[in-house]
PDB file of N, CA and C in Angstrom:
ATOM      1  N   UNK A   1       0.849  -1.163   0.000  1.00  0.00           N
ATOM      2  CA  UNK A   1       0.000   0.000   0.000  1.00  0.00           C
ATOM      3  C   UNK A   1       0.899   1.232   0.000  1.00  0.00           C
ATOM      4  N   UNK A   2       0.598   2.168  -0.884  1.00  0.00           N
ATOM      5  CA  UNK A   2       1.447   3.348  -0.960  1.00  0.00           C
ATOM      6  C   UNK A   2       1.021   4.413   0.054  1.00  0.00           C
ATOM      7  N   UNK A   3       1.787   5.446   0.152  1.00  0.00           N
ATOM      8  CA  UNK A   3       1.580   6.489   1.166  1.00  0.00           C
ATOM      9  C   UNK A   3       0.285   7.251   0.914  1.00  0.00           C
ATOM     10  N   UNK A   4      -0.060   7.482  -0.336  1.00  0.00           N
ATOM     11  CA  UNK A   4      -1.280   8.216  -0.666  1.00  0.00           C
ATOM     12  C   UNK A   4      -2.526   7.450  -0.171  1.00  0.00           C
ATOM     13  N   UNK A   5      -2.533   6.147  -0.342  1.00  0.00           N
ATOM     14  CA  UNK A   5      -3.669   5.333   0.098  1.00  0.00           C
ATOM     15  C   UNK A   5      -3.761   5.318   1.623  1.00  0.00           C
ATOM     16  N   UNK A   6      -2.626   5.272   2.278  1.00  0.00           N
ATOM     17  CA  UNK A   6      -2.609   5.297   3.746  1.00  0.00           C
ATOM     18  C   UNK A   6      -3.159   6.623   4.278  1.00  0.00           C
ATOM     19  N   UNK A   7      -2.796   7.736   3.634  1.00  0.00           N
ATOM     20  CA  UNK A   7      -3.299   9.039   4.057  1.00  0.00           C
ATOM     21  C   UNK A   7      -4.806   9.151   3.827  1.00  0.00           C
ATOM     22  N   UNK A   8      -5.293   8.552   2.740  1.00  0.00           N
ATOM     23  CA  UNK A   8      -6.720   8.615   2.450  1.00  0.00           C
ATOM     24  C   UNK A   8      -7.530   7.836   3.498  1.00  0.00           C
ATOM     25  N   UNK A   9      -6.924   6.814   4.090  1.00  0.00           N
ATOM     26  CA  UNK A   9      -7.595   6.047   5.137  1.00  0.00           C
ATOM     27  C   UNK A   9      -7.404   6.723   6.505  1.00  0.00           C
ATOM     28  N   UNK A  10      -6.210   7.218   6.774  1.00  0.00           N
ATOM     29  CA  UNK A  10      -5.886   7.771   8.086  1.00  0.00           C
ATOM     30  C   UNK A  10      -6.565   9.119   8.333  1.00  0.00           C
ATOM     31  N   UNK A  11      -6.726   9.954   7.314  1.00  0.00           N
ATOM     32  CA  UNK A  11      -7.298  11.291   7.507  1.00  0.00           C
ATOM     33  C   UNK A  11      -8.749  11.230   8.025  1.00  0.00           C
ATOM     34  N   UNK A  12      -9.644  10.465   7.393  1.00  0.00           N
ATOM     35  CA  UNK A  12     -11.009  10.412   7.942  1.00  0.00           C
ATOM     36  C   UNK A  12     -11.062   9.775   9.331  1.00  0.00           C
ATOM     37  N   UNK A  13     -10.215   8.778   9.585  1.00  0.00           N
ATOM     38  CA  UNK A  13     -10.182   8.167  10.909  1.00  0.00           C
ATOM     39  C   UNK A  13      -9.725   9.165  11.964  1.00  0.00           C
ATOM     40  N   UNK A  14      -8.764   9.999  11.627  1.00  0.00           N
ATOM     41  CA  UNK A  14      -8.282  11.006  12.573  1.00  0.00           C
ATOM     42  C   UNK A  14      -9.382  12.024  12.889  1.00  0.00           C
ATOM     43  N   UNK A  15     -10.155  12.404  11.885  1.00  0.00           N
ATOM     44  CA  UNK A  15     -11.247  13.353  12.105  1.00  0.00           C
ATOM     45  C   UNK A  15     -12.315  12.728  13.007  1.00  0.00           C
ATOM     46  N   UNK A  16     -12.657  11.473  12.765  1.00  0.00           N
ATOM     47  CA  UNK A  16     -13.651  10.797  13.593  1.00  0.00           C
ATOM     48  C   UNK A  16     -13.179  10.656  15.041  1.00  0.00           C
ATOM     49  N   UNK A  17     -11.921  10.290  15.233  1.00  0.00           N
ATOM     50  CA  UNK A  17     -11.388  10.136  16.579  1.00  0.00           C
ATOM     51  C   UNK A  17     -11.268  11.474  17.302  1.00  0.00           C
ATOM     52  N   UNK A  18     -11.008  12.548  16.587  1.00  0.00           N
ATOM     53  CA  UNK A  18     -10.897  13.869  17.206  1.00  0.00           C
ATOM     54  C   UNK A  18     -12.254  14.303  17.781  1.00  0.00           C
ATOM     55  N   UNK A  19     -13.343  13.901  17.171  1.00  0.00           N
ATOM     56  CA  UNK A  19     -14.667  14.242  17.677  1.00  0.00           C
ATOM     57  C   UNK A  19     -14.970  13.554  18.982  1.00  0.00           C
ATOM     58  N   UNK A  20     -14.356  12.404  19.227  1.00  0.00           N
ATOM     59  CA  UNK A  20     -14.606  11.675  20.472  1.00  0.00           C
ATOM     60  C   UNK A  20     -13.711  12.134  21.611  1.00  0.00           C
ATOM     61  N   UNK A  21     -12.669  12.827  21.325  1.00  0.00           N
ATOM     62  CA  UNK A  21     -11.674  13.167  22.327  1.00  0.00           C
ATOM     63  C   UNK A  21     -12.141  14.142  23.388  1.00  0.00           C
ATOM     64  N   UNK A  22     -12.967  15.121  23.058  1.00  0.00           N
ATOM     65  CA  UNK A  22     -13.353  16.149  24.012  1.00  0.00           C
ATOM     66  C   UNK A  22     -14.606  15.849  24.806  1.00  0.00           C
ATOM     67  N   UNK A  23     -15.275  14.757  24.543  1.00  0.00           N
ATOM     68  CA  UNK A  23     -16.547  14.465  25.215  1.00  0.00           C
ATOM     69  C   UNK A  23     -16.312  13.608  26.446  1.00  0.00           C
ATOM     70  N   UNK A  24     -16.796  14.098  27.580  1.00  0.00           N
ATOM     71  CA  UNK A  24     -16.713  13.334  28.824  1.00  0.00           C
ATOM     72  C   UNK A  24     -18.028  12.589  28.994  1.00  0.00           C
ATOM     73  N   UNK A  25     -17.984  11.263  29.049  1.00  0.00           N
ATOM     74  CA  UNK A  25     -19.215  10.471  29.119  1.00  0.00           C
ATOM     75  C   UNK A  25     -19.871  10.551  30.490  1.00  0.00           C
ATOM     76  N   UNK A  26     -19.192  11.053  31.521  1.00  0.00           N
ATOM     77  CA  UNK A  26     -19.770  11.152  32.853  1.00  0.00           C
ATOM     78  C   UNK A  26     -20.588  12.426  33.035  1.00  0.00           C
ATOM     79  N   UNK A  27     -20.455  13.378  32.135  1.00  0.00           N
ATOM     80  CA  UNK A  27     -21.206  14.623  32.221  1.00  0.00           C
ATOM     81  C   UNK A  27     -22.107  14.761  31.015  1.00  0.00           C
ATOM     82  N   UNK A  28     -23.276  15.295  31.236  1.00  0.00           N
ATOM     83  CA  UNK A  28     -24.185  15.563  30.134  1.00  0.00           C
ATOM     84  C   UNK A  28     -23.865  16.955  29.609  1.00  0.00           C
ATOM     85  N   UNK A  29     -23.638  17.101  28.341  1.00  0.00           N
ATOM     86  CA  UNK A  29     -23.287  18.423  27.816  1.00  0.00           C
ATOM     87  C   UNK A  29     -24.449  19.399  27.917  1.00  0.00           C
ATOM     88  N   UNK A  30     -24.264  20.490  28.644  1.00  0.00           N
ATOM     89  CA  UNK A  30     -25.240  21.552  28.704  1.00  0.00           C
ATOM     90  C   UNK A  30     -26.356  21.364  29.717  1.00  0.00           C
ATOM     91  N   UNK A  31     -26.396  20.270  30.440  1.00  0.00           N
ATOM     92  CA  UNK A  31     -27.480  20.053  31.394  1.00  0.00           C
ATOM     93  C   UNK A  31     -26.879  19.775  32.762  1.00  0.00           C
ATOM     94  N   UNK A  32     -26.912  20.773  33.649  1.00  0.00           N
ATOM     95  CA  UNK A  32     -26.304  20.612  34.969  1.00  0.00           C
ATOM     96  C   UNK A  32     -27.160  19.767  35.902  1.00  0.00           C
ATOM     97  N   UNK A  33     -28.442  19.543  35.571  1.00  0.00           N
ATOM     98  CA  UNK A  33     -29.346  18.769  36.416  1.00  0.00           C
ATOM     99  C   UNK A  33     -29.425  17.299  35.994  1.00  0.00           C
ATOM    100  N   UNK A  34     -28.605  16.882  35.060  1.00  0.00           N
ATOM    101  CA  UNK A  34     -28.650  15.502  34.573  1.00  0.00           C
ATOM    102  C   UNK A  34     -28.319  14.534  35.712  1.00  0.00           C
ATOM    103  N   UNK A  35     -29.189  13.571  35.976  1.00  0.00           N
ATOM    104  CA  UNK A  35     -28.972  12.578  37.017  1.00  0.00           C
ATOM    105  C   UNK A  35     -29.406  13.028  38.396  1.00  0.00           C
ATOM    106  N   UNK A  36     -30.042  14.188  38.501  1.00  0.00           N
ATOM    107  CA  UNK A  36     -30.426  14.724  39.805  1.00  0.00           C
ATOM    108  C   UNK A  36     -31.459  13.837  40.500  1.00  0.00           C
ATOM    109  N   UNK A  37     -32.373  13.233  39.749  1.00  0.00           N
ATOM    110  CA  UNK A  37     -33.390  12.364  40.347  1.00  0.00           C
ATOM    111  C   UNK A  37     -32.732  11.151  41.004  1.00  0.00           C
ATOM    112  N   UNK A  38     -31.721  10.593  40.350  1.00  0.00           N
ATOM    113  CA  UNK A  38     -31.013   9.452  40.944  1.00  0.00           C
ATOM    114  C   UNK A  38     -30.278   9.859  42.212  1.00  0.00           C
ATOM    115  N   UNK A  39     -29.645  11.020  42.195  1.00  0.00           N
ATOM    116  CA  UNK A  39     -28.926  11.469  43.385  1.00  0.00           C
ATOM    117  C   UNK A  39     -29.889  11.737  44.543  1.00  0.00           C
ATOM    118  N   UNK A  40     -31.042  12.343  44.258  1.00  0.00           N
ATOM    119  CA  UNK A  40     -32.024  12.613  45.303  1.00  0.00           C
ATOM    120  C   UNK A  40     -32.572  11.312  45.893  1.00  0.00           C
ATOM    121  N   UNK A  41     -32.841  10.328  45.039  1.00  0.00           N
ATOM    122  CA  UNK A  41     -33.354   9.045  45.520  1.00  0.00           C
ATOM    123  C   UNK A  41     -32.319   8.345  46.385  1.00  0.00           C
ATOM    124  N   UNK A  42     -31.066   8.392  45.975  1.00  0.00           N
ATOM    125  CA  UNK A  42     -30.009   7.751  46.750  1.00  0.00           C
ATOM    126  C   UNK A  42     -29.848   8.446  48.109  1.00  0.00           C
ATOM    127  N   UNK A  43     -29.918   9.771  48.148  1.00  0.00           N
ATOM    128  CA  UNK A  43     -29.777  10.489  49.408  1.00  0.00           C
ATOM    129  C   UNK A  43     -30.966  10.224  50.335  1.00  0.00           C
ATOM    130  N   UNK A  44     -32.164  10.000  49.772  1.00  0.00           N
ATOM    131  CA  UNK A  44     -33.343   9.728  50.592  1.00  0.00           C
ATOM    132  C   UNK A  44     -33.243   8.370  51.278  1.00  0.00           C
ATOM    133  N   UNK A  45     -32.424   7.474  50.758  1.00  0.00           N
ATOM    134  CA  UNK A  45     -32.306   6.139  51.329  1.00  0.00           C
ATOM    135  C   UNK A  45     -31.202   6.041  52.377  1.00  0.00           C
ATOM    136  N   UNK A  46     -30.449   7.107  52.580  1.00  0.00           N
ATOM    137  CA  UNK A  46     -29.362   7.103  53.553  1.00  0.00           C
ATOM    138  C   UNK A  46     -29.924   7.470  54.928  1.00  0.00           C
ATOM    139  N   UNK A  47     -29.627   6.668  55.920  1.00  0.00           N
ATOM    140  CA  UNK A  47     -30.130   6.899  57.271  1.00  0.00           C
ATOM    141  C   UNK A  47     -29.142   7.782  58.027  1.00  0.00           C
ATOM    142  N   UNK A  48     -29.673   8.779  58.721  1.00  0.00           N
ATOM    143  CA  UNK A  48     -28.838   9.657  59.530  1.00  0.00           C
ATOM    144  C   UNK A  48     -28.470   8.917  60.816  1.00  0.00           C
ATOM    145  N   UNK A  49     -27.175   8.645  61.051  1.00  0.00           N
ATOM    146  CA  UNK A  49     -26.794   7.890  62.248  1.00  0.00           C
ATOM    147  C   UNK A  49     -26.965   8.691  63.539  1.00  0.00           C
ATOM    148  N   UNK A  50     -27.043  10.009  63.461  1.00  0.00           N
ATOM    149  CA  UNK A  50     -27.210  10.849  64.647  1.00  0.00           C
ATOM    150  C   UNK A  50     -28.349  11.838  64.391  1.00  0.00           C
ATOM    151  N   UNK A  51     -29.596  11.363  64.383  1.00  0.00           N
ATOM    152  CA  UNK A  51     -30.705  12.251  64.023  1.00  0.00           C
ATOM    153  C   UNK A  51     -30.995  13.278  65.111  1.00  0.00           C
ATOM    154  N   UNK A  52     -31.540  14.392  64.705  1.00  0.00           N
ATOM    155  CA  UNK A  52     -31.939  15.446  65.628  1.00  0.00           C
ATOM    156  C   UNK A  52     -33.441  15.648  65.471  1.00  0.00           C
ATOM    157  N   UNK A  53     -34.185  15.620  66.590  1.00  0.00           N
ATOM    158  CA  UNK A  53     -35.625  15.813  66.573  1.00  0.00           C
ATOM    159  C   UNK A  53     -35.956  17.116  67.286  1.00  0.00           C
ATOM    160  N   UNK A  54     -36.959  17.820  66.775  1.00  0.00           N
ATOM    161  CA  UNK A  54     -37.382  19.073  67.383  1.00  0.00           C
ATOM    162  C   UNK A  54     -37.936  18.856  68.788  1.00  0.00           C
ATOM    163  N   UNK A  55     -38.648  17.785  68.991  1.00  0.00           N
ATOM    164  CA  UNK A  55     -39.189  17.477  70.317  1.00  0.00           C
ATOM    165  C   UNK A  55     -38.757  16.057  70.686  1.00  0.00           C
ATOM    166  N   UNK A  56     -38.640  15.836  71.951  1.00  0.00           N
ATOM    167  CA  UNK A  56     -38.197  14.510  72.381  1.00  0.00           C
ATOM    168  C   UNK A  56     -39.308  13.493  72.152  1.00  0.00           C
ATOM    169  N   UNK A  57     -38.902  12.292  71.844  1.00  0.00           N
ATOM    170  CA  UNK A  57     -39.853  11.223  71.613  1.00  0.00           C
ATOM    171  C   UNK A  57     -40.251  10.635  72.952  1.00  0.00           C
ATOM    172  N   UNK A  58     -41.537  10.632  73.225  1.00  0.00           N
ATOM    173  CA  UNK A  58     -41.992  10.093  74.498  1.00  0.00           C
ATOM    174  C   UNK A  58     -42.641   8.737  74.258  1.00  0.00           C
ATOM    175  N   UNK A  59     -42.258   7.775  75.064  1.00  0.00           N
ATOM    176  CA  UNK A  59     -42.850   6.448  74.980  1.00  0.00           C
ATOM    177  C   UNK A  59     -43.280   6.035  76.377  1.00  0.00           C
ATOM    178  N   UNK A  60     -44.194   5.125  76.430  1.00  0.00           N
ATOM    179  CA  UNK A  60     -44.676   4.665  77.711  1.00  0.00           C
ATOM    180  C   UNK A  60     -44.683   3.143  77.705  1.00  0.00           C
ATOM    181  N   UNK A  61     -43.865   2.574  78.529  1.00  0.00           N
ATOM    182  CA  UNK A  61     -43.825   1.123  78.644  1.00  0.00           C
ATOM    183  C   UNK A  61     -45.131   0.580  79.186  1.00  0.00           C
ATOM    184  N   UNK A  62     -45.776   1.362  80.031  1.00  0.00           N
ATOM    185  CA  UNK A  62     -47.040   0.916  80.611  1.00  0.00           C
ATOM    186  C   UNK A  62     -48.132   0.810  79.543  1.00  0.00           C
ATOM    187  N   UNK A  63     -48.210   1.811  78.658  1.00  0.00           N
ATOM    188  CA  UNK A  63     -49.188   1.756  77.583  1.00  0.00           C
ATOM    189  C   UNK A  63     -48.909   0.603  76.628  1.00  0.00           C
ATOM    190  N   UNK A  64     -47.634   0.370  76.337  1.00  0.00           N
ATOM    191  CA  UNK A  64     -47.273  -0.740  75.454  1.00  0.00           C
ATOM    192  C   UNK A  64     -47.633  -2.076  76.093  1.00  0.00           C
ATOM    193  N   UNK A  65     -47.382  -2.223  77.390  1.00  0.00           N
ATOM    194  CA  UNK A  65     -47.718  -3.471  78.092  1.00  0.00           C
ATOM    195  C   UNK A  65     -49.226  -3.694  78.101  1.00  0.00           C
ATOM    196  N   UNK A  66     -49.994  -2.622  78.299  1.00  0.00           N
ATOM    197  CA  UNK A  66     -51.454  -2.748  78.261  1.00  0.00           C
ATOM    198  C   UNK A  66     -51.940  -3.186  76.887  1.00  0.00           C
ATOM    199  N   UNK A  67     -51.345  -2.637  75.834  1.00  0.00           N
ATOM    200  CA  UNK A  67     -51.741  -3.008  74.472  1.00  0.00           C
ATOM    201  C   UNK A  67     -51.418  -4.477  74.201  1.00  0.00           C
ATOM    202  N   UNK A  68     -50.274  -4.947  74.671  1.00  0.00           N
ATOM    203  CA  UNK A  68     -49.900  -6.351  74.486  1.00  0.00           C
ATOM    204  C   UNK A  68     -50.865  -7.267  75.227  1.00  0.00           C
ATOM    205  N   UNK A  69     -51.238  -6.882  76.430  1.00  0.00           N
ATOM    206  CA  UNK A  69     -52.189  -7.696  77.199  1.00  0.00           C
ATOM    207  C   UNK A  69     -53.549  -7.764  76.505  1.00  0.00           C
ATOM    208  N   UNK A  70     -54.031  -6.626  75.983  1.00  0.00           N
ATOM    209  CA  UNK A  70     -55.304  -6.634  75.256  1.00  0.00           C
ATOM    210  C   UNK A  70     -55.211  -7.546  74.041  1.00  0.00           C
ATOM    211  N   UNK A  71     -54.071  -7.538  73.363  1.00  0.00           N
ATOM    212  CA  UNK A  71     -53.887  -8.395  72.195  1.00  0.00           C
ATOM    213  C   UNK A  71     -53.900  -9.869  72.602  1.00  0.00           C
ATOM    214  N   UNK A  72     -53.216 -10.194  73.671  1.00  0.00           N
ATOM    215  CA  UNK A  72     -53.157 -11.587  74.138  1.00  0.00           C
ATOM    216  C   UNK A  72     -54.528 -12.084  74.612  1.00  0.00           C
ATOM    217  N   UNK A  73     -55.320 -11.210  75.215  1.00  0.00           N
ATOM    218  CA  UNK A  73     -56.634 -11.584  75.723  1.00  0.00           C
ATOM    219  C   UNK A  73     -57.737 -11.439  74.672  1.00  0.00           C
ATOM    220  N   UNK A  74     -57.362 -11.114  73.458  1.00  0.00           N
ATOM    221  CA  UNK A  74     -58.300 -10.916  72.353  1.00  0.00           C
ATOM    222  C   UNK A  74     -59.337  -9.847  72.697  1.00  0.00           C
ATOM    223  N   UNK A  75     -58.864  -8.779  73.330  1.00  0.00           N
ATOM    224  CA  UNK A  75     -59.718  -7.668  73.724  1.00  0.00           C
ATOM    225  C   UNK A  75     -59.202  -6.379  73.068  1.00  0.00           C
ATOM    226  N   UNK A  76     -58.904  -6.489  71.779  1.00  0.00           N
ATOM    227  CA  UNK A  76     -58.312  -5.365  71.053  1.00  0.00           C
ATOM    228  C   UNK A  76     -59.392  -4.324  70.783  1.00  0.00           C
ATOM    229  N   UNK A  77     -59.014  -3.059  70.949  1.00  0.00           N
ATOM    230  CA  UNK A  77     -59.945  -1.967  70.681  1.00  0.00           C
ATOM    231  C   UNK A  77     -60.171  -1.864  69.173  1.00  0.00           C
ATOM    232  N   UNK A  78     -61.429  -1.837  68.773  1.00  0.00           N
ATOM    233  CA  UNK A  78     -61.756  -1.704  67.357  1.00  0.00           C
ATOM    234  C   UNK A  78     -61.565  -0.254  66.927  1.00  0.00           C
ATOM    235  N   UNK A  79     -60.919  -0.040  65.806  1.00  0.00           N
ATOM    236  CA  UNK A  79     -60.778   1.336  65.319  1.00  0.00           C
ATOM    237  C   UNK A  79     -62.130   1.865  64.858  1.00  0.00           C
ATOM    238  N   UNK A  80     -62.306   3.177  64.961  1.00  0.00           N
ATOM    239  CA  UNK A  80     -63.580   3.749  64.560  1.00  0.00           C
ATOM    240  C   UNK A  80     -63.677   3.718  63.036  1.00  0.00           C
ATOM    241  N   UNK A  81     -64.883   3.488  62.550  1.00  0.00           N
ATOM    242  CA  UNK A  81     -65.119   3.346  61.116  1.00  0.00           C
ATOM    243  C   UNK A  81     -65.144   4.715  60.455  1.00  0.00           C
ATOM    244  N   UNK A  82     -64.492   4.816  59.304  1.00  0.00           N
ATOM    245  CA  UNK A  82     -64.472   6.052  58.534  1.00  0.00           C
ATOM    246  C   UNK A  82     -64.978   5.726  57.132  1.00  0.00           C
ATOM    247  N   UNK A  83     -65.971   6.468  56.671  1.00  0.00           N
ATOM    248  CA  UNK A  83     -66.489   6.258  55.316  1.00  0.00           C
ATOM    249  C   UNK A  83     -65.685   7.102  54.353  1.00  0.00           C
ATOM    250  N   UNK A  84     -65.250   6.481  53.292  1.00  0.00           N
ATOM    251  CA  UNK A  84     -64.476   7.222  52.299  1.00  0.00           C
ATOM    252  C   UNK A  84     -65.260   7.487  51.034  1.00  0.00           C
ATOM    253  N   UNK A  85     -66.397   6.782  50.857  1.00  0.00           N
ATOM    254  CA  UNK A  85     -67.218   7.008  49.671  1.00  0.00           C
ATOM    255  C   UNK A  85     -68.681   7.060  50.075  1.00  0.00           C
ATOM    256  N   UNK A  86     -69.464   7.703  49.263  1.00  0.00           N
ATOM    257  CA  UNK A  86     -70.914   7.721  49.464  1.00  0.00           C
ATOM    258  C   UNK A  86     -71.532   6.769  48.460  1.00  0.00           C
ATOM    259  N   UNK A  87     -72.264   5.793  48.955  1.00  0.00           N
ATOM    260  CA  UNK A  87     -72.895   4.826  48.083  1.00  0.00           C
ATOM    261  C   UNK A  87     -74.346   5.247  47.892  1.00  0.00           C
ATOM    262  N   UNK A  88     -74.784   5.231  46.656  1.00  0.00           N
ATOM    263  CA  UNK A  88     -76.170   5.603  46.356  1.00  0.00           C
ATOM    264  C   UNK A  88     -76.318   7.108  46.286  1.00  0.00           C
ATOM    265  N   UNK A  89     -77.518   7.548  45.960  1.00  0.00           N
ATOM    266  CA  UNK A  89     -77.775   8.974  45.897  1.00  0.00           C
ATOM    267  C   UNK A  89     -77.296   9.627  44.616  1.00  0.00           C
ATOM    268  N   UNK A  90     -76.615   8.873  43.775  1.00  0.00           N
ATOM    269  CA  UNK A  90     -76.143   9.453  42.517  1.00  0.00           C
ATOM    270  C   UNK A  90     -77.229   9.426  41.481  1.00  0.00           C
ATOM    271  N   UNK A  91     -77.136  10.248  40.473  1.00  0.00           N
ATOM    272  CA  UNK A  91     -78.134  10.266  39.416  1.00  0.00           C
ATOM    273  C   UNK A  91     -77.494   9.960  38.075  1.00  0.00           C
ATOM    274  N   UNK A  92     -76.762   8.867  38.023  1.00  0.00           N
ATOM    275  CA  UNK A  92     -76.114   8.481  36.768  1.00  0.00           C
ATOM    276  C   UNK A  92     -77.029   7.615  35.943  1.00  0.00           C
ATOM    277  N   UNK A  93     -77.516   8.131  34.834  1.00  0.00           N
ATOM    278  CA  UNK A  93     -78.386   7.373  33.949  1.00  0.00           C
ATOM    279  C   UNK A  93     -77.608   6.865  32.761  1.00  0.00           C
ATOM    280  N   UNK A  94     -78.130   5.848  32.101  1.00  0.00           N
ATOM    281  CA  UNK A  94     -77.436   5.296  30.960  1.00  0.00           C
ATOM    282  C   UNK A  94     -77.689   6.099  29.697  1.00  0.00           C
ATOM    283  N   UNK A  95     -78.750   6.868  29.687  1.00  0.00           N
ATOM    284  CA  UNK A  95     -79.028   7.701  28.513  1.00  0.00           C
ATOM    285  C   UNK A  95     -79.757   6.958  27.404  1.00  0.00           C
ATOM    286  N   UNK A  96     -80.006   5.693  27.558  1.00  0.00           N
ATOM    287  CA  UNK A  96     -80.669   4.930  26.514  1.00  0.00           C
ATOM    288  C   UNK A  96     -82.083   4.567  26.918  1.00  0.00           C
ATOM    289  N   UNK A  97     -82.893   4.231  25.976  1.00  0.00           N
ATOM    290  CA  UNK A  97     -84.270   3.810  26.241  1.00  0.00           C
ATOM    291  C   UNK A  97     -84.307   2.291  26.335  1.00  0.00           C
ATOM    292  N   UNK A  98     -84.938   1.783  27.355  1.00  0.00           N
ATOM    293  CA  UNK A  98     -85.091   0.343  27.451  1.00  0.00           C
ATOM    294  C   UNK A  98     -86.551   0.001  27.268  1.00  0.00           C
ATOM    295  N   UNK A  99     -86.883  -0.844  26.324  1.00  0.00           N
ATOM    296  CA  UNK A  99     -88.254  -1.228  26.034  1.00  0.00           C
ATOM    297  C   UNK A  99     -88.516  -2.629  26.465  1.00  0.00           C
TER     298      UNK A  99
END
């Protein structure tokens, strides 16, 4: 292979490789917020080993013991019922005639 043929092959390859040289694959060009959702999710899963609370946490061993006894004696307090939907009273018609 002569020198002219080698240059014809090497020149386009050099141009293609030069385009790859300046791009950093770890950074998104022009977008500083790229990957922010992943970083926020990862930070939300990290537990603070020395947490600070605005008010002290109060617990009562006596209340916990009473709850355990009620559970063991099958005398658990029923939670109060809360309605989340209204059944009936709607006026939804089908719009069609039935004969």
